[in-house]
């Protein structure tokens, strides 16, 4: 996270003063990577025997999305999201 940017994403880290700009860039990036539905909560599913494979796929997609979001949040704000259990909670 050198220079206030999420390495490899080209997105400025979220700080206390840049939420609107950060949100716009992050939304565009996540949409382009087919990860936006996870943030919106549209991809969550109940765990059932019939949905085991779908849940595995969702967990993997959620983890990828969480990683992208966390890499773009500054250290000073990271404590606010540390307990989040899904990308949608971040």
PDB file of N, CA and C in Angstrom:
ATOM      1  N   UNK A   1       0.829  -1.167   0.000  1.00  0.00           N
ATOM      2  CA  UNK A   1       0.000   0.000   0.000  1.00  0.00           C
ATOM      3  C   UNK A   1       0.880   1.238   0.000  1.00  0.00           C
ATOM      4  N   UNK A   2       1.771   1.256  -0.927  1.00  0.00           N
ATOM      5  CA  UNK A   2       2.727   2.342  -1.037  1.00  0.00           C
ATOM      6  C   UNK A   2       2.078   3.590  -1.612  1.00  0.00           C
ATOM      7  N   UNK A   3       2.456   4.739  -1.069  1.00  0.00           N
ATOM      8  CA  UNK A   3       2.015   6.001  -1.626  1.00  0.00           C
ATOM      9  C   UNK A   3       0.528   6.246  -1.537  1.00  0.00           C
ATOM     10  N   UNK A   4      -0.176   5.564  -0.653  1.00  0.00           N
ATOM     11  CA  UNK A   4      -1.598   5.784  -0.501  1.00  0.00           C
ATOM     12  C   UNK A   4      -2.452   5.117  -1.556  1.00  0.00           C
ATOM     13  N   UNK A   5      -1.879   4.193  -2.325  1.00  0.00           N
ATOM     14  CA  UNK A   5      -2.635   3.484  -3.347  1.00  0.00           C
ATOM     15  C   UNK A   5      -2.608   1.990  -3.075  1.00  0.00           C
ATOM     16  N   UNK A   6      -3.704   1.316  -3.386  1.00  0.00           N
ATOM     17  CA  UNK A   6      -3.752  -0.137  -3.277  1.00  0.00           C
ATOM     18  C   UNK A   6      -2.902  -0.705  -4.402  1.00  0.00           C
ATOM     19  N   UNK A   7      -1.813  -1.355  -4.044  1.00  0.00           N
ATOM     20  CA  UNK A   7      -0.870  -1.869  -5.037  1.00  0.00           C
ATOM     21  C   UNK A   7      -1.587  -2.792  -6.023  1.00  0.00           C
ATOM     22  N   UNK A   8      -1.355  -2.557  -7.301  1.00  0.00           N
ATOM     23  CA  UNK A   8      -1.925  -3.396  -8.339  1.00  0.00           C
ATOM     24  C   UNK A   8      -3.325  -3.002  -8.768  1.00  0.00           C
ATOM     25  N   UNK A   9      -4.000  -2.178  -7.981  1.00  0.00           N
ATOM     26  CA  UNK A   9      -5.359  -1.777  -8.338  1.00  0.00           C
ATOM     27  C   UNK A   9      -5.404  -0.387  -8.939  1.00  0.00           C
ATOM     28  N   UNK A  10      -4.450   0.459  -8.582  1.00  0.00           N
ATOM     29  CA  UNK A  10      -4.472   1.834  -9.045  1.00  0.00           C
ATOM     30  C   UNK A  10      -5.589   2.635  -8.410  1.00  0.00           C
ATOM     31  N   UNK A  11      -6.041   2.189  -7.247  1.00  0.00           N
ATOM     32  CA  UNK A  11      -7.122   2.861  -6.531  1.00  0.00           C
ATOM     33  C   UNK A  11      -6.551   3.454  -5.253  1.00  0.00           C
ATOM     34  N   UNK A  12      -6.867   4.722  -5.019  1.00  0.00           N
ATOM     35  CA  UNK A  12      -6.422   5.397  -3.807  1.00  0.00           C
ATOM     36  C   UNK A  12      -7.001   4.691  -2.584  1.00  0.00           C
ATOM     37  N   UNK A  13      -6.214   4.555  -1.519  1.00  0.00           N
ATOM     38  CA  UNK A  13      -6.705   3.953  -0.288  1.00  0.00           C
ATOM     39  C   UNK A  13      -7.834   4.787   0.299  1.00  0.00           C
ATOM     40  N   UNK A  14      -8.809   4.132   0.884  1.00  0.00           N
ATOM     41  CA  UNK A  14      -9.889   4.824   1.567  1.00  0.00           C
ATOM     42  C   UNK A  14      -9.332   5.519   2.800  1.00  0.00           C
ATOM     43  N   UNK A  15      -9.668   6.793   2.930  1.00  0.00           N
ATOM     44  CA  UNK A  15      -9.273   7.579   4.101  1.00  0.00           C
ATOM     45  C   UNK A  15     -10.519   8.245   4.669  1.00  0.00           C
ATOM     46  N   UNK A  16     -10.334   9.082   5.659  1.00  0.00           N
ATOM     47  CA  UNK A  16     -11.479   9.777   6.258  1.00  0.00           C
ATOM     48  C   UNK A  16     -12.022  10.887   5.373  1.00  0.00           C
ATOM     49  N   UNK A  17     -11.323  11.230   4.280  1.00  0.00           N
ATOM     50  CA  UNK A  17     -11.741  12.374   3.466  1.00  0.00           C
ATOM     51  C   UNK A  17     -12.064  12.057   2.007  1.00  0.00           C
ATOM     52  N   UNK A  18     -11.903  10.817   1.557  1.00  0.00           N
ATOM     53  CA  UNK A  18     -12.062  10.549   0.120  1.00  0.00           C
ATOM     54  C   UNK A  18     -13.104   9.489  -0.211  1.00  0.00           C
ATOM     55  N   UNK A  19     -14.094   9.286   0.641  1.00  0.00           N
ATOM     56  CA  UNK A  19     -15.034   8.183   0.448  1.00  0.00           C
ATOM     57  C   UNK A  19     -15.739   8.213  -0.906  1.00  0.00           C
ATOM     58  N   UNK A  20     -16.256   9.351  -1.329  1.00  0.00           N
ATOM     59  CA  UNK A  20     -17.011   9.413  -2.588  1.00  0.00           C
ATOM     60  C   UNK A  20     -16.157   8.991  -3.778  1.00  0.00           C
ATOM     61  N   UNK A  21     -14.949   9.494  -3.858  1.00  0.00           N
ATOM     62  CA  UNK A  21     -14.041   9.144  -4.956  1.00  0.00           C
ATOM     63  C   UNK A  21     -13.638   7.663  -4.875  1.00  0.00           C
ATOM     64  N   UNK A  22     -13.299   7.201  -3.677  1.00  0.00           N
ATOM     65  CA  UNK A  22     -12.913   5.803  -3.465  1.00  0.00           C
ATOM     66  C   UNK A  22     -14.054   4.865  -3.848  1.00  0.00           C
ATOM     67  N   UNK A  23     -15.266   5.199  -3.399  1.00  0.00           N
ATOM     68  CA  UNK A  23     -16.430   4.359  -3.682  1.00  0.00           C
ATOM     69  C   UNK A  23     -16.660   4.244  -5.183  1.00  0.00           C
ATOM     70  N   UNK A  24     -16.581   5.351  -5.887  1.00  0.00           N
ATOM     71  CA  UNK A  24     -16.791   5.345  -7.335  1.00  0.00           C
ATOM     72  C   UNK A  24     -15.771   4.452  -8.036  1.00  0.00           C
ATOM     73  N   UNK A  25     -14.504   4.604  -7.669  1.00  0.00           N
ATOM     74  CA  UNK A  25     -13.444   3.785  -8.285  1.00  0.00           C
ATOM     75  C   UNK A  25     -13.598   2.316  -7.924  1.00  0.00           C
ATOM     76  N   UNK A  26     -13.892   2.033  -6.657  1.00  0.00           N
ATOM     77  CA  UNK A  26     -14.014   0.649  -6.211  1.00  0.00           C
ATOM     78  C   UNK A  26     -15.212  -0.028  -6.869  1.00  0.00           C
ATOM     79  N   UNK A  27     -16.327   0.679  -6.975  1.00  0.00           N
ATOM     80  CA  UNK A  27     -17.505   0.101  -7.618  1.00  0.00           C
ATOM     81  C   UNK A  27     -17.200  -0.257  -9.069  1.00  0.00           C
ATOM     82  N   UNK A  28     -16.551   0.643  -9.781  1.00  0.00           N
ATOM     83  CA  UNK A  28     -16.194   0.363 -11.177  1.00  0.00           C
ATOM     84  C   UNK A  28     -15.288  -0.854 -11.281  1.00  0.00           C
ATOM     85  N   UNK A  29     -14.295  -0.925 -10.399  1.00  0.00           N
ATOM     86  CA  UNK A  29     -13.364  -2.055 -10.431  1.00  0.00           C
ATOM     87  C   UNK A  29     -14.085  -3.367 -10.130  1.00  0.00           C
ATOM     88  N   UNK A  30     -14.885  -3.387  -9.065  1.00  0.00           N
ATOM     89  CA  UNK A  30     -15.572  -4.623  -8.680  1.00  0.00           C
ATOM     90  C   UNK A  30     -16.590  -5.054  -9.733  1.00  0.00           C
ATOM     91  N   UNK A  31     -17.275  -4.108 -10.352  1.00  0.00           N
ATOM     92  CA  UNK A  31     -18.189  -4.449 -11.447  1.00  0.00           C
ATOM     93  C   UNK A  31     -17.425  -5.097 -12.593  1.00  0.00           C
ATOM     94  N   UNK A  32     -16.283  -4.524 -12.934  1.00  0.00           N
ATOM     95  CA  UNK A  32     -15.471  -5.056 -14.019  1.00  0.00           C
ATOM     96  C   UNK A  32     -14.911  -6.436 -13.741  1.00  0.00           C
ATOM     97  N   UNK A  33     -14.745  -6.778 -12.466  1.00  0.00           N
ATOM     98  CA  UNK A  33     -14.217  -8.085 -12.076  1.00  0.00           C
ATOM     99  C   UNK A  33     -15.328  -9.071 -11.704  1.00  0.00           C
ATOM    100  N   UNK A  34     -16.588  -8.711 -11.959  1.00  0.00           N
ATOM    101  CA  UNK A  34     -17.751  -9.537 -11.605  1.00  0.00           C
ATOM    102  C   UNK A  34     -17.802  -9.855 -10.112  1.00  0.00           C
ATOM    103  N   UNK A  35     -17.452  -8.888  -9.285  1.00  0.00           N
ATOM    104  CA  UNK A  35     -17.453  -9.071  -7.839  1.00  0.00           C
ATOM    105  C   UNK A  35     -18.469  -8.171  -7.130  1.00  0.00           C
ATOM    106  N   UNK A  36     -19.128  -7.285  -7.855  1.00  0.00           N
ATOM    107  CA  UNK A  36     -20.020  -6.299  -7.241  1.00  0.00           C
ATOM    108  C   UNK A  36     -21.211  -6.934  -6.526  1.00  0.00           C
ATOM    109  N   UNK A  37     -21.774  -8.013  -7.068  1.00  0.00           N
ATOM    110  CA  UNK A  37     -22.944  -8.643  -6.461  1.00  0.00           C
ATOM    111  C   UNK A  37     -22.649  -9.129  -5.052  1.00  0.00           C
ATOM    112  N   UNK A  38     -21.412  -9.520  -4.800  1.00  0.00           N
ATOM    113  CA  UNK A  38     -21.037  -9.981  -3.467  1.00  0.00           C
ATOM    114  C   UNK A  38     -21.099  -8.830  -2.474  1.00  0.00           C
ATOM    115  N   UNK A  39     -20.639  -7.657  -2.861  1.00  0.00           N
ATOM    116  CA  UNK A  39     -20.672  -6.485  -1.992  1.00  0.00           C
ATOM    117  C   UNK A  39     -22.114  -6.078  -1.707  1.00  0.00           C
ATOM    118  N   UNK A  40     -22.968  -6.183  -2.695  1.00  0.00           N
ATOM    119  CA  UNK A  40     -24.368  -5.794  -2.537  1.00  0.00           C
ATOM    120  C   UNK A  40     -25.166  -6.805  -1.733  1.00  0.00           C
ATOM    121  N   UNK A  41     -24.601  -7.982  -1.527  1.00  0.00           N
ATOM    122  CA  UNK A  41     -25.300  -9.018  -0.779  1.00  0.00           C
ATOM    123  C   UNK A  41     -26.190  -9.882  -1.639  1.00  0.00           C
ATOM    124  N   UNK A  42     -26.223  -9.658  -2.950  1.00  0.00           N
ATOM    125  CA  UNK A  42     -27.098 -10.415  -3.838  1.00  0.00           C
ATOM    126  C   UNK A  42     -26.647 -11.852  -4.041  1.00  0.00           C
ATOM    127  N   UNK A  43     -25.391 -12.147  -3.739  1.00  0.00           N
ATOM    128  CA  UNK A  43     -24.846 -13.471  -4.007  1.00  0.00           C
ATOM    129  C   UNK A  43     -24.880 -14.404  -2.804  1.00  0.00           C
ATOM    130  N   UNK A  44     -25.297 -13.920  -1.634  1.00  0.00           N
ATOM    131  CA  UNK A  44     -25.287 -14.794  -0.468  1.00  0.00           C
ATOM    132  C   UNK A  44     -26.367 -15.862  -0.596  1.00  0.00           C
ATOM    133  N   UNK A  45     -26.083 -17.029  -0.041  1.00  0.00           N
ATOM    134  CA  UNK A  45     -27.000 -18.157  -0.127  1.00  0.00           C
ATOM    135  C   UNK A  45     -27.009 -18.898   1.193  1.00  0.00           C
ATOM    136  N   UNK A  46     -28.113 -19.574   1.485  1.00  0.00           N
ATOM    137  CA  UNK A  46     -28.194 -20.412   2.666  1.00  0.00           C
ATOM    138  C   UNK A  46     -27.422 -21.694   2.414  1.00  0.00           C
ATOM    139  N   UNK A  47     -26.830 -22.231   3.468  1.00  0.00           N
ATOM    140  CA  UNK A  47     -26.074 -23.471   3.340  1.00  0.00           C
ATOM    141  C   UNK A  47     -27.044 -24.645   3.433  1.00  0.00           C
ATOM    142  N   UNK A  48     -27.174 -25.367   2.352  1.00  0.00           N
ATOM    143  CA  UNK A  48     -27.963 -26.594   2.310  1.00  0.00           C
ATOM    144  C   UNK A  48     -27.155 -27.628   1.550  1.00  0.00           C
ATOM    145  N   UNK A  49     -27.557 -28.873   1.652  1.00  0.00           N
ATOM    146  CA  UNK A  49     -26.842 -29.936   0.939  1.00  0.00           C
ATOM    147  C   UNK A  49     -26.885 -29.687  -0.565  1.00  0.00           C
ATOM    148  N   UNK A  50     -28.018 -29.240  -1.075  1.00  0.00           N
ATOM    149  CA  UNK A  50     -28.171 -29.012  -2.513  1.00  0.00           C
ATOM    150  C   UNK A  50     -27.344 -27.820  -2.999  1.00  0.00           C
ATOM    151  N   UNK A  51     -27.047 -26.890  -2.100  1.00  0.00           N
ATOM    152  CA  UNK A  51     -26.331 -25.676  -2.501  1.00  0.00           C
ATOM    153  C   UNK A  51     -24.855 -25.695  -2.089  1.00  0.00           C
ATOM    154  N   UNK A  52     -24.318 -26.856  -1.755  1.00  0.00           N
ATOM    155  CA  UNK A  52     -22.936 -26.941  -1.264  1.00  0.00           C
ATOM    156  C   UNK A  52     -21.933 -26.382  -2.273  1.00  0.00           C
ATOM    157  N   UNK A  53     -22.050 -26.748  -3.534  1.00  0.00           N
ATOM    158  CA  UNK A  53     -21.114 -26.259  -4.553  1.00  0.00           C
ATOM    159  C   UNK A  53     -21.288 -24.764  -4.775  1.00  0.00           C
ATOM    160  N   UNK A  54     -22.532 -24.310  -4.827  1.00  0.00           N
ATOM    161  CA  UNK A  54     -22.789 -22.880  -5.006  1.00  0.00           C
ATOM    162  C   UNK A  54     -22.217 -22.092  -3.827  1.00  0.00           C
ATOM    163  N   UNK A  55     -22.321 -22.635  -2.632  1.00  0.00           N
ATOM    164  CA  UNK A  55     -21.780 -21.957  -1.455  1.00  0.00           C
ATOM    165  C   UNK A  55     -20.261 -21.907  -1.517  1.00  0.00           C
ATOM    166  N   UNK A  56     -19.621 -22.958  -1.990  1.00  0.00           N
ATOM    167  CA  UNK A  56     -18.167 -22.969  -2.135  1.00  0.00           C
ATOM    168  C   UNK A  56     -17.725 -21.876  -3.099  1.00  0.00           C
ATOM    169  N   UNK A  57     -18.443 -21.767  -4.211  1.00  0.00           N
ATOM    170  CA  UNK A  57     -18.132 -20.739  -5.204  1.00  0.00           C
ATOM    171  C   UNK A  57     -18.350 -19.354  -4.601  1.00  0.00           C
ATOM    172  N   UNK A  58     -19.447 -19.173  -3.875  1.00  0.00           N
ATOM    173  CA  UNK A  58     -19.723 -17.879  -3.251  1.00  0.00           C
ATOM    174  C   UNK A  58     -18.630 -17.506  -2.260  1.00  0.00           C
ATOM    175  N   UNK A  59     -18.201 -18.456  -1.427  1.00  0.00           N
ATOM    176  CA  UNK A  59     -17.150 -18.172  -0.441  1.00  0.00           C
ATOM    177  C   UNK A  59     -15.866 -17.715  -1.126  1.00  0.00           C
ATOM    178  N   UNK A  60     -15.532 -18.373  -2.217  1.00  0.00           N
ATOM    179  CA  UNK A  60     -14.318 -18.010  -2.951  1.00  0.00           C
ATOM    180  C   UNK A  60     -14.451 -16.603  -3.535  1.00  0.00           C
ATOM    181  N   UNK A  61     -15.593 -16.320  -4.151  1.00  0.00           N
ATOM    182  CA  UNK A  61     -15.833 -15.000  -4.732  1.00  0.00           C
ATOM    183  C   UNK A  61     -15.859 -13.934  -3.642  1.00  0.00           C
ATOM    184  N   UNK A  62     -16.500 -14.232  -2.516  1.00  0.00           N
ATOM    185  CA  UNK A  62     -16.547 -13.290  -1.399  1.00  0.00           C
ATOM    186  C   UNK A  62     -15.145 -12.995  -0.883  1.00  0.00           C
ATOM    187  N   UNK A  63     -14.321 -14.023  -0.747  1.00  0.00           N
ATOM    188  CA  UNK A  63     -12.956 -13.830  -0.252  1.00  0.00           C
ATOM    189  C   UNK A  63     -12.145 -12.949  -1.199  1.00  0.00           C
ATOM    190  N   UNK A  64     -12.295 -13.167  -2.509  1.00  0.00           N
ATOM    191  CA  UNK A  64     -11.601 -12.331  -3.490  1.00  0.00           C
ATOM    192  C   UNK A  64     -12.044 -10.879  -3.357  1.00  0.00           C
ATOM    193  N   UNK A  65     -13.349 -10.680  -3.195  1.00  0.00           N
ATOM    194  CA  UNK A  65     -13.899  -9.334  -3.090  1.00  0.00           C
ATOM    195  C   UNK A  65     -13.431  -8.657  -1.805  1.00  0.00           C
ATOM    196  N   UNK A  66     -13.466  -9.387  -0.693  1.00  0.00           N
ATOM    197  CA  UNK A  66     -12.972  -8.836   0.570  1.00  0.00           C
ATOM    198  C   UNK A  66     -11.522  -8.395   0.443  1.00  0.00           C
ATOM    199  N   UNK A  67     -10.711  -9.216  -0.188  1.00  0.00           N
ATOM    200  CA  UNK A  67      -9.296  -8.904  -0.346  1.00  0.00           C
ATOM    201  C   UNK A  67      -9.104  -7.599  -1.116  1.00  0.00           C
ATOM    202  N   UNK A  68      -9.846  -7.443  -2.210  1.00  0.00           N
ATOM    203  CA  UNK A  68      -9.750  -6.220  -3.008  1.00  0.00           C
ATOM    204  C   UNK A  68     -10.142  -5.010  -2.160  1.00  0.00           C
ATOM    205  N   UNK A  69     -11.243  -5.113  -1.444  1.00  0.00           N
ATOM    206  CA  UNK A  69     -11.695  -3.999  -0.611  1.00  0.00           C
ATOM    207  C   UNK A  69     -10.687  -3.678   0.492  1.00  0.00           C
ATOM    208  N   UNK A  70     -10.201  -4.695   1.174  1.00  0.00           N
ATOM    209  CA  UNK A  70      -9.270  -4.476   2.283  1.00  0.00           C
ATOM    210  C   UNK A  70      -7.954  -3.861   1.825  1.00  0.00           C
ATOM    211  N   UNK A  71      -7.507  -4.206   0.632  1.00  0.00           N
ATOM    212  CA  UNK A  71      -6.266  -3.642   0.107  1.00  0.00           C
ATOM    213  C   UNK A  71      -6.415  -2.167  -0.223  1.00  0.00           C
ATOM    214  N   UNK A  72      -7.649  -1.685  -0.293  1.00  0.00           N
ATOM    215  CA  UNK A  72      -7.897  -0.296  -0.680  1.00  0.00           C
ATOM    216  C   UNK A  72      -8.407   0.552   0.484  1.00  0.00           C
ATOM    217  N   UNK A  73      -8.186   0.092   1.717  1.00  0.00           N
ATOM    218  CA  UNK A  73      -8.604   0.839   2.901  1.00  0.00           C
ATOM    219  C   UNK A  73      -7.359   1.170   3.717  1.00  0.00           C
ATOM    220  N   UNK A  74      -7.219   2.420   4.089  1.00  0.00           N
ATOM    221  CA  UNK A  74      -6.028   2.861   4.822  1.00  0.00           C
ATOM    222  C   UNK A  74      -5.962   2.212   6.201  1.00  0.00           C
ATOM    223  N   UNK A  75      -4.770   2.172   6.744  1.00  0.00           N
ATOM    224  CA  UNK A  75      -4.544   1.589   8.067  1.00  0.00           C
ATOM    225  C   UNK A  75      -5.378   2.281   9.134  1.00  0.00           C
ATOM    226  N   UNK A  76      -5.546   3.597   9.007  1.00  0.00           N
ATOM    227  CA  UNK A  76      -6.294   4.337  10.020  1.00  0.00           C
ATOM    228  C   UNK A  76      -7.772   3.956  10.050  1.00  0.00           C
ATOM    229  N   UNK A  77      -8.307   3.431   8.960  1.00  0.00           N
ATOM    230  CA  UNK A  77      -9.716   3.031   8.915  1.00  0.00           C
ATOM    231  C   UNK A  77      -9.910   1.523   9.001  1.00  0.00           C
ATOM    232  N   UNK A  78      -8.842   0.765   8.894  1.00  0.00           N
ATOM    233  CA  UNK A  78      -8.954  -0.690   8.808  1.00  0.00           C
ATOM    234  C   UNK A  78      -9.609  -1.299  10.043  1.00  0.00           C
ATOM    235  N   UNK A  79      -9.361  -0.745  11.219  1.00  0.00           N
ATOM    236  CA  UNK A  79      -9.966  -1.280  12.439  1.00  0.00           C
ATOM    237  C   UNK A  79     -11.490  -1.254  12.393  1.00  0.00           C
ATOM    238  N   UNK A  80     -12.067  -0.360  11.594  1.00  0.00           N
ATOM    239  CA  UNK A  80     -13.523  -0.265  11.491  1.00  0.00           C
ATOM    240  C   UNK A  80     -14.133  -1.442  10.731  1.00  0.00           C
ATOM    241  N   UNK A  81     -13.351  -2.126   9.926  1.00  0.00           N
ATOM    242  CA  UNK A  81     -13.891  -3.226   9.115  1.00  0.00           C
ATOM    243  C   UNK A  81     -13.278  -4.573   9.485  1.00  0.00           C
ATOM    244  N   UNK A  82     -12.394  -4.596  10.463  1.00  0.00           N
ATOM    245  CA  UNK A  82     -11.649  -5.812  10.784  1.00  0.00           C
ATOM    246  C   UNK A  82     -12.567  -6.974  11.172  1.00  0.00           C
ATOM    247  N   UNK A  83     -13.702  -6.709  11.766  1.00  0.00           N
ATOM    248  CA  UNK A  83     -14.615  -7.772  12.186  1.00  0.00           C
ATOM    249  C   UNK A  83     -15.650  -8.152  11.147  1.00  0.00           C
ATOM    250  N   UNK A  84     -15.600  -7.564   9.977  1.00  0.00           N
ATOM    251  CA  UNK A  84     -16.582  -7.856   8.927  1.00  0.00           C
ATOM    252  C   UNK A  84     -16.496  -9.317   8.517  1.00  0.00           C
ATOM    253  N   UNK A  85     -17.654  -9.936   8.330  1.00  0.00           N
ATOM    254  CA  UNK A  85     -17.694 -11.350   7.991  1.00  0.00           C
ATOM    255  C   UNK A  85     -17.982 -11.599   6.514  1.00  0.00           C
ATOM    256  N   UNK A  86     -18.189 -10.525   5.760  1.00  0.00           N
ATOM    257  CA  UNK A  86     -18.400 -10.665   4.316  1.00  0.00           C
ATOM    258  C   UNK A  86     -18.058  -9.347   3.633  1.00  0.00           C
ATOM    259  N   UNK A  87     -17.904  -9.407   2.325  1.00  0.00           N
ATOM    260  CA  UNK A  87     -17.630  -8.197   1.555  1.00  0.00           C
ATOM    261  C   UNK A  87     -18.788  -7.216   1.671  1.00  0.00           C
ATOM    262  N   UNK A  88     -19.998  -7.724   1.758  1.00  0.00           N
ATOM    263  CA  UNK A  88     -21.165  -6.852   1.877  1.00  0.00           C
ATOM    264  C   UNK A  88     -21.119  -6.038   3.171  1.00  0.00           C
ATOM    265  N   UNK A  89     -20.550  -6.584   4.234  1.00  0.00           N
ATOM    266  CA  UNK A  89     -20.442  -5.863   5.504  1.00  0.00           C
ATOM    267  C   UNK A  89     -19.388  -4.770   5.462  1.00  0.00           C
ATOM    268  N   UNK A  90     -18.395  -4.929   4.614  1.00  0.00           N
ATOM    269  CA  UNK A  90     -17.338  -3.923   4.510  1.00  0.00           C
ATOM    270  C   UNK A  90     -17.922  -2.671   3.898  1.00  0.00           C
TER     271      UNK A  90
END
